[in-house]
Amino acid sequence: MRDGLGVAVAPAWFISPGLRILDDMDARYPLGIAEMGIKRATGAATPILDVFISHIKAELNSTALAA
């Protein structure tokens, strides 16, 4: 992407020097609604993993609401 060879769908925090937001593409080709899921192996539940997944879900929800 940095060398002009690709386009990615990514959150705003992903933008770093050398990358830019293509506002005109967003206006012409809106992405609509996307869904994401979290999958973990059966029996992989641990308190730290539960906290981590809760944090990820909260961050994704707050980002979606801010958009």
PDB file of N, CA and C in Angstrom:
ATOM      1  N   MET A   1       0.825  -1.181   0.000  1.00  0.00           N
ATOM      2  CA  MET A   1       0.000   0.000   0.000  1.00  0.00           C
ATOM      3  C   MET A   1       0.870   1.245   0.000  1.00  0.00           C
ATOM      4  N   ARG A   2       1.910   1.208   0.772  1.00  0.00           N
ATOM      5  CA  ARG A   2       2.761   2.389   0.892  1.00  0.00           C
ATOM      6  C   ARG A   2       3.412   2.751  -0.438  1.00  0.00           C
ATOM      7  N   ASP A   3       3.642   1.767  -1.314  1.00  0.00           N
ATOM      8  CA  ASP A   3       4.251   2.030  -2.614  1.00  0.00           C
ATOM      9  C   ASP A   3       3.216   2.267  -3.706  1.00  0.00           C
ATOM     10  N   GLY A   4       1.946   2.452  -3.301  1.00  0.00           N
ATOM     11  CA  GLY A   4       0.895   2.721  -4.275  1.00  0.00           C
ATOM     12  C   GLY A   4       0.423   1.483  -5.014  1.00  0.00           C
ATOM     13  N   LEU A   5       0.671   0.329  -4.448  1.00  0.00           N
ATOM     14  CA  LEU A   5       0.311  -0.913  -5.115  1.00  0.00           C
ATOM     15  C   LEU A   5      -0.948  -1.560  -4.571  1.00  0.00           C
ATOM     16  N   GLY A   6      -1.622  -0.920  -3.633  1.00  0.00           N
ATOM     17  CA  GLY A   6      -2.808  -1.549  -3.076  1.00  0.00           C
ATOM     18  C   GLY A   6      -3.695  -0.574  -2.345  1.00  0.00           C
ATOM     19  N   VAL A   7      -4.880  -1.031  -2.076  1.00  0.00           N
ATOM     20  CA  VAL A   7      -5.869  -0.276  -1.309  1.00  0.00           C
ATOM     21  C   VAL A   7      -6.380  -1.209  -0.222  1.00  0.00           C
ATOM     22  N   ALA A   8      -6.558  -0.690   0.975  1.00  0.00           N
ATOM     23  CA  ALA A   8      -7.040  -1.513   2.079  1.00  0.00           C
ATOM     24  C   ALA A   8      -8.210  -0.836   2.774  1.00  0.00           C
ATOM     25  N   VAL A   9      -9.052  -1.644   3.341  1.00  0.00           N
ATOM     26  CA  VAL A   9     -10.104  -1.156   4.220  1.00  0.00           C
ATOM     27  C   VAL A   9      -9.554  -1.323   5.628  1.00  0.00           C
ATOM     28  N   ALA A  10      -9.424  -0.200   6.327  1.00  0.00           N
ATOM     29  CA  ALA A  10      -8.792  -0.255   7.641  1.00  0.00           C
ATOM     30  C   ALA A  10      -9.334   0.866   8.522  1.00  0.00           C
ATOM     31  N   PRO A  11      -9.204   0.718   9.832  1.00  0.00           N
ATOM     32  CA  PRO A  11      -9.646   1.786  10.741  1.00  0.00           C
ATOM     33  C   PRO A  11      -8.723   3.000  10.630  1.00  0.00           C
ATOM     34  N   ALA A  12      -9.216   4.154  11.055  1.00  0.00           N
ATOM     35  CA  ALA A  12      -8.457   5.399  10.946  1.00  0.00           C
ATOM     36  C   ALA A  12      -7.115   5.327  11.669  1.00  0.00           C
ATOM     37  N   TRP A  13      -7.024   4.601  12.775  1.00  0.00           N
ATOM     38  CA  TRP A  13      -5.769   4.537  13.516  1.00  0.00           C
ATOM     39  C   TRP A  13      -4.672   3.823  12.733  1.00  0.00           C
ATOM     40  N   PHE A  14      -5.033   3.105  11.684  1.00  0.00           N
ATOM     41  CA  PHE A  14      -4.074   2.384  10.855  1.00  0.00           C
ATOM     42  C   PHE A  14      -3.271   3.323   9.955  1.00  0.00           C
ATOM     43  N   ILE A  15      -3.811   4.507   9.689  1.00  0.00           N
ATOM     44  CA  ILE A  15      -3.168   5.444   8.769  1.00  0.00           C
ATOM     45  C   ILE A  15      -1.879   5.966   9.393  1.00  0.00           C
ATOM     46  N   SER A  16      -0.779   5.743   8.697  1.00  0.00           N
ATOM     47  CA  SER A  16       0.524   6.203   9.165  1.00  0.00           C
ATOM     48  C   SER A  16       1.176   7.005   8.042  1.00  0.00           C
ATOM     49  N   PRO A  17       2.305   7.640   8.311  1.00  0.00           N
ATOM     50  CA  PRO A  17       2.960   8.421   7.255  1.00  0.00           C
ATOM     51  C   PRO A  17       3.161   7.585   5.986  1.00  0.00           C
ATOM     52  N   GLY A  18       2.823   8.169   4.863  1.00  0.00           N
ATOM     53  CA  GLY A  18       2.936   7.473   3.591  1.00  0.00           C
ATOM     54  C   GLY A  18       1.630   6.870   3.118  1.00  0.00           C
ATOM     55  N   LEU A  19       0.623   6.828   3.991  1.00  0.00           N
ATOM     56  CA  LEU A  19      -0.706   6.321   3.621  1.00  0.00           C
ATOM     57  C   LEU A  19      -1.694   7.476   3.656  1.00  0.00           C
ATOM     58  N   ARG A  20      -2.769   7.351   2.905  1.00  0.00           N
ATOM     59  CA  ARG A  20      -3.787   8.400   2.926  1.00  0.00           C
ATOM     60  C   ARG A  20      -5.176   7.800   2.757  1.00  0.00           C
ATOM     61  N   ILE A  21      -6.159   8.541   3.191  1.00  0.00           N
ATOM     62  CA  ILE A  21      -7.559   8.133   3.070  1.00  0.00           C
ATOM     63  C   ILE A  21      -8.069   8.583   1.708  1.00  0.00           C
ATOM     64  N   LEU A  22      -8.712   7.684   0.984  1.00  0.00           N
ATOM     65  CA  LEU A  22      -9.252   7.998  -0.338  1.00  0.00           C
ATOM     66  C   LEU A  22     -10.717   8.395  -0.203  1.00  0.00           C
ATOM     67  N   ASP A  23     -10.948   9.631   0.197  1.00  0.00           N
ATOM     68  CA  ASP A  23     -12.323  10.106   0.431  1.00  0.00           C
ATOM     69  C   ASP A  23     -13.201   9.986  -0.805  1.00  0.00           C
ATOM     70  N   ASP A  24     -12.652  10.244  -1.984  1.00  0.00           N
ATOM     71  CA  ASP A  24     -13.454  10.164  -3.200  1.00  0.00           C
ATOM     72  C   ASP A  24     -13.920   8.737  -3.479  1.00  0.00           C
ATOM     73  N   MET A  25     -13.102   7.743  -3.164  1.00  0.00           N
ATOM     74  CA  MET A  25     -13.530   6.349  -3.340  1.00  0.00           C
ATOM     75  C   MET A  25     -14.637   5.997  -2.366  1.00  0.00           C
ATOM     76  N   ASP A  26     -14.529   6.504  -1.143  1.00  0.00           N
ATOM     77  CA  ASP A  26     -15.556   6.229  -0.150  1.00  0.00           C
ATOM     78  C   ASP A  26     -16.887   6.812  -0.598  1.00  0.00           C
ATOM     79  N   ALA A  27     -16.854   7.987  -1.210  1.00  0.00           N
ATOM     80  CA  ALA A  27     -18.093   8.625  -1.679  1.00  0.00           C
ATOM     81  C   ALA A  27     -18.710   7.851  -2.846  1.00  0.00           C
ATOM     82  N   ARG A  28     -17.882   7.346  -3.736  1.00  0.00           N
ATOM     83  CA  ARG A  28     -18.387   6.614  -4.907  1.00  0.00           C
ATOM     84  C   ARG A  28     -18.742   5.165  -4.614  1.00  0.00           C
ATOM     85  N   TYR A  29     -17.994   4.544  -3.699  1.00  0.00           N
ATOM     86  CA  TYR A  29     -18.175   3.119  -3.416  1.00  0.00           C
ATOM     87  C   TYR A  29     -18.274   2.890  -1.909  1.00  0.00           C
ATOM     88  N   PRO A  30     -19.355   3.348  -1.286  1.00  0.00           N
ATOM     89  CA  PRO A  30     -19.462   3.171   0.162  1.00  0.00           C
ATOM     90  C   PRO A  30     -19.454   1.689   0.527  1.00  0.00           C
ATOM     91  N   LEU A  31     -18.801   1.394   1.644  1.00  0.00           N
ATOM     92  CA  LEU A  31     -18.654   0.002   2.067  1.00  0.00           C
ATOM     93  C   LEU A  31     -19.914  -0.576   2.681  1.00  0.00           C
ATOM     94  N   GLY A  32     -20.742   0.271   3.239  1.00  0.00           N
ATOM     95  CA  GLY A  32     -21.922  -0.251   3.910  1.00  0.00           C
ATOM     96  C   GLY A  32     -21.567  -0.783   5.286  1.00  0.00           C
ATOM     97  N   ILE A  33     -22.318  -1.732   5.742  1.00  0.00           N
ATOM     98  CA  ILE A  33     -22.121  -2.281   7.081  1.00  0.00           C
ATOM     99  C   ILE A  33     -21.304  -3.561   6.985  1.00  0.00           C
ATOM    100  N   ALA A  34     -20.336  -3.684   7.850  1.00  0.00           N
ATOM    101  CA  ALA A  34     -19.510  -4.893   7.906  1.00  0.00           C
ATOM    102  C   ALA A  34     -19.733  -5.572   9.249  1.00  0.00           C
ATOM    103  N   GLU A  35     -19.557  -6.846   9.260  1.00  0.00           N
ATOM    104  CA  GLU A  35     -19.674  -7.596  10.506  1.00  0.00           C
ATOM    105  C   GLU A  35     -18.352  -8.288  10.792  1.00  0.00           C
ATOM    106  N   MET A  36     -18.040  -8.389  12.060  1.00  0.00           N
ATOM    107  CA  MET A  36     -16.822  -9.073  12.486  1.00  0.00           C
ATOM    108  C   MET A  36     -17.183 -10.066  13.575  1.00  0.00           C
ATOM    109  N   GLY A  37     -16.377 -11.062  13.689  1.00  0.00           N
ATOM    110  CA  GLY A  37     -16.604 -12.047  14.738  1.00  0.00           C
ATOM    111  C   GLY A  37     -15.290 -12.436  15.390  1.00  0.00           C
ATOM    112  N   ILE A  38     -15.393 -12.985  16.558  1.00  0.00           N
ATOM    113  CA  ILE A  38     -14.232 -13.489  17.280  1.00  0.00           C
ATOM    114  C   ILE A  38     -14.476 -14.971  17.509  1.00  0.00           C
ATOM    115  N   LYS A  39     -13.508 -15.770  17.121  1.00  0.00           N
ATOM    116  CA  LYS A  39     -13.645 -17.215  17.272  1.00  0.00           C
ATOM    117  C   LYS A  39     -12.464 -17.718  18.087  1.00  0.00           C
ATOM    118  N   ARG A  40     -12.747 -18.577  19.025  1.00  0.00           N
ATOM    119  CA  ARG A  40     -11.662 -19.184  19.798  1.00  0.00           C
ATOM    120  C   ARG A  40     -11.939 -20.675  19.947  1.00  0.00           C
ATOM    121  N   ALA A  41     -10.890 -21.402  20.195  1.00  0.00           N
ATOM    122  CA  ALA A  41     -10.999 -22.847  20.298  1.00  0.00           C
ATOM    123  C   ALA A  41     -11.863 -23.244  21.486  1.00  0.00           C
ATOM    124  N   THR A  42     -12.578 -24.339  21.336  1.00  0.00           N
ATOM    125  CA  THR A  42     -13.366 -24.881  22.432  1.00  0.00           C
ATOM    126  C   THR A  42     -12.434 -25.162  23.606  1.00  0.00           C
ATOM    127  N   GLY A  43     -12.827 -24.732  24.785  1.00  0.00           N
ATOM    128  CA  GLY A  43     -12.022 -24.946  25.975  1.00  0.00           C
ATOM    129  C   GLY A  43     -10.910 -23.924  26.164  1.00  0.00           C
ATOM    130  N   ALA A  44     -10.881 -22.897  25.323  1.00  0.00           N
ATOM    131  CA  ALA A  44      -9.821 -21.888  25.417  1.00  0.00           C
ATOM    132  C   ALA A  44     -10.205 -20.731  26.343  1.00  0.00           C
ATOM    133  N   ALA A  45     -11.276 -20.879  27.081  1.00  0.00           N
ATOM    134  CA  ALA A  45     -11.719 -19.801  27.966  1.00  0.00           C
ATOM    135  C   ALA A  45     -10.789 -19.686  29.176  1.00  0.00           C
ATOM    136  N   THR A  46     -10.255 -18.491  29.340  1.00  0.00           N
ATOM    137  CA  THR A  46      -9.459 -18.155  30.521  1.00  0.00           C
ATOM    138  C   THR A  46      -9.872 -16.760  30.934  1.00  0.00           C
ATOM    139  N   PRO A  47      -9.717 -16.407  32.192  1.00  0.00           N
ATOM    140  CA  PRO A  47     -10.115 -15.051  32.609  1.00  0.00           C
ATOM    141  C   PRO A  47      -9.416 -13.946  31.812  1.00  0.00           C
ATOM    142  N   ILE A  48      -8.131 -14.102  31.514  1.00  0.00           N
ATOM    143  CA  ILE A  48      -7.423 -13.061  30.779  1.00  0.00           C
ATOM    144  C   ILE A  48      -7.921 -12.967  29.334  1.00  0.00           C
ATOM    145  N   LEU A  49      -8.219 -14.102  28.725  1.00  0.00           N
ATOM    146  CA  LEU A  49      -8.751 -14.094  27.370  1.00  0.00           C
ATOM    147  C   LEU A  49     -10.138 -13.457  27.350  1.00  0.00           C
ATOM    148  N   ASP A  50     -10.960 -13.757  28.341  1.00  0.00           N
ATOM    149  CA  ASP A  50     -12.287 -13.141  28.425  1.00  0.00           C
ATOM    150  C   ASP A  50     -12.189 -11.627  28.532  1.00  0.00           C
ATOM    151  N   VAL A  51     -11.263 -11.137  29.341  1.00  0.00           N
ATOM    152  CA  VAL A  51     -11.072  -9.686  29.492  1.00  0.00           C
ATOM    153  C   VAL A  51     -10.588  -9.087  28.172  1.00  0.00           C
ATOM    154  N   PHE A  52      -9.645  -9.755  27.513  1.00  0.00           N
ATOM    155  CA  PHE A  52      -9.123  -9.271  26.243  1.00  0.00           C
ATOM    156  C   PHE A  52     -10.231  -9.183  25.197  1.00  0.00           C
ATOM    157  N   ILE A  53     -11.033 -10.229  25.074  1.00  0.00           N
ATOM    158  CA  ILE A  53     -12.121 -10.234  24.094  1.00  0.00           C
ATOM    159  C   ILE A  53     -13.145  -9.156  24.424  1.00  0.00           C
ATOM    160  N   SER A  54     -13.457  -8.962  25.685  1.00  0.00           N
ATOM    161  CA  SER A  54     -14.380  -7.888  26.081  1.00  0.00           C
ATOM    162  C   SER A  54     -13.825  -6.524  25.682  1.00  0.00           C
ATOM    163  N   HIS A  55     -12.529  -6.337  25.865  1.00  0.00           N
ATOM    164  CA  HIS A  55     -11.886  -5.074  25.484  1.00  0.00           C
ATOM    165  C   HIS A  55     -11.973  -4.859  23.967  1.00  0.00           C
ATOM    166  N   ILE A  56     -11.668  -5.874  23.193  1.00  0.00           N
ATOM    167  CA  ILE A  56     -11.739  -5.767  21.730  1.00  0.00           C
ATOM    168  C   ILE A  56     -13.164  -5.421  21.290  1.00  0.00           C
ATOM    169  N   LYS A  57     -14.150  -6.111  21.847  1.00  0.00           N
ATOM    170  CA  LYS A  57     -15.552  -5.833  21.502  1.00  0.00           C
ATOM    171  C   LYS A  57     -15.926  -4.395  21.849  1.00  0.00           C
ATOM    172  N   ALA A  58     -15.521  -3.917  23.015  1.00  0.00           N
ATOM    173  CA  ALA A  58     -15.840  -2.548  23.428  1.00  0.00           C
ATOM    174  C   ALA A  58     -15.186  -1.541  22.480  1.00  0.00           C
ATOM    175  N   GLU A  59     -13.928  -1.777  22.111  1.00  0.00           N
ATOM    176  CA  GLU A  59     -13.230  -0.873  21.189  1.00  0.00           C
ATOM    177  C   GLU A  59     -13.910  -0.853  19.815  1.00  0.00           C
ATOM    178  N   LEU A  60     -14.266  -2.011  19.308  1.00  0.00           N
ATOM    179  CA  LEU A  60     -14.932  -2.064  18.010  1.00  0.00           C
ATOM    180  C   LEU A  60     -16.288  -1.375  18.070  1.00  0.00           C
ATOM    181  N   ASN A  61     -17.038  -1.583  19.138  1.00  0.00           N
ATOM    182  CA  ASN A  61     -18.335  -0.928  19.275  1.00  0.00           C
ATOM    183  C   ASN A  61     -18.188   0.580  19.376  1.00  0.00           C
ATOM    184  N   SER A  62     -17.221   1.065  20.135  1.00  0.00           N
ATOM    185  CA  SER A  62     -17.044   2.521  20.282  1.00  0.00           C
ATOM    186  C   SER A  62     -16.578   3.138  18.978  1.00  0.00           C
ATOM    187  N   THR A  63     -15.760   2.424  18.199  1.00  0.00           N
ATOM    188  CA  THR A  63     -15.316   2.927  16.910  1.00  0.00           C
ATOM    189  C   THR A  63     -16.496   2.992  15.938  1.00  0.00           C
ATOM    190  N   ALA A  64     -17.339   1.981  15.957  1.00  0.00           N
ATOM    191  CA  ALA A  64     -18.500   1.952  15.070  1.00  0.00           C
ATOM    192  C   ALA A  64     -19.471   3.080  15.398  1.00  0.00           C
ATOM    193  N   LEU A  65     -19.646   3.354  16.671  1.00  0.00           N
ATOM    194  CA  LEU A  65     -20.558   4.413  17.080  1.00  0.00           C
ATOM    195  C   LEU A  65     -20.024   5.792  16.742  1.00  0.00           C
ATOM    196  N   ALA A  66     -18.704   5.937  16.706  1.00  0.00           N
ATOM    197  CA  ALA A  66     -18.087   7.237  16.410  1.00  0.00           C
ATOM    198  C   ALA A  66     -18.117   7.540  14.921  1.00  0.00           C
ATOM    199  N   ALA A  67     -18.258   6.532  14.096  1.00  0.00           N
ATOM    200  CA  ALA A  67     -18.215   6.731  12.637  1.00  0.00           C
ATOM    201  C   ALA A  67     -19.473   7.378  12.120  1.00  0.00           C
TER     202      ALA A  67
END
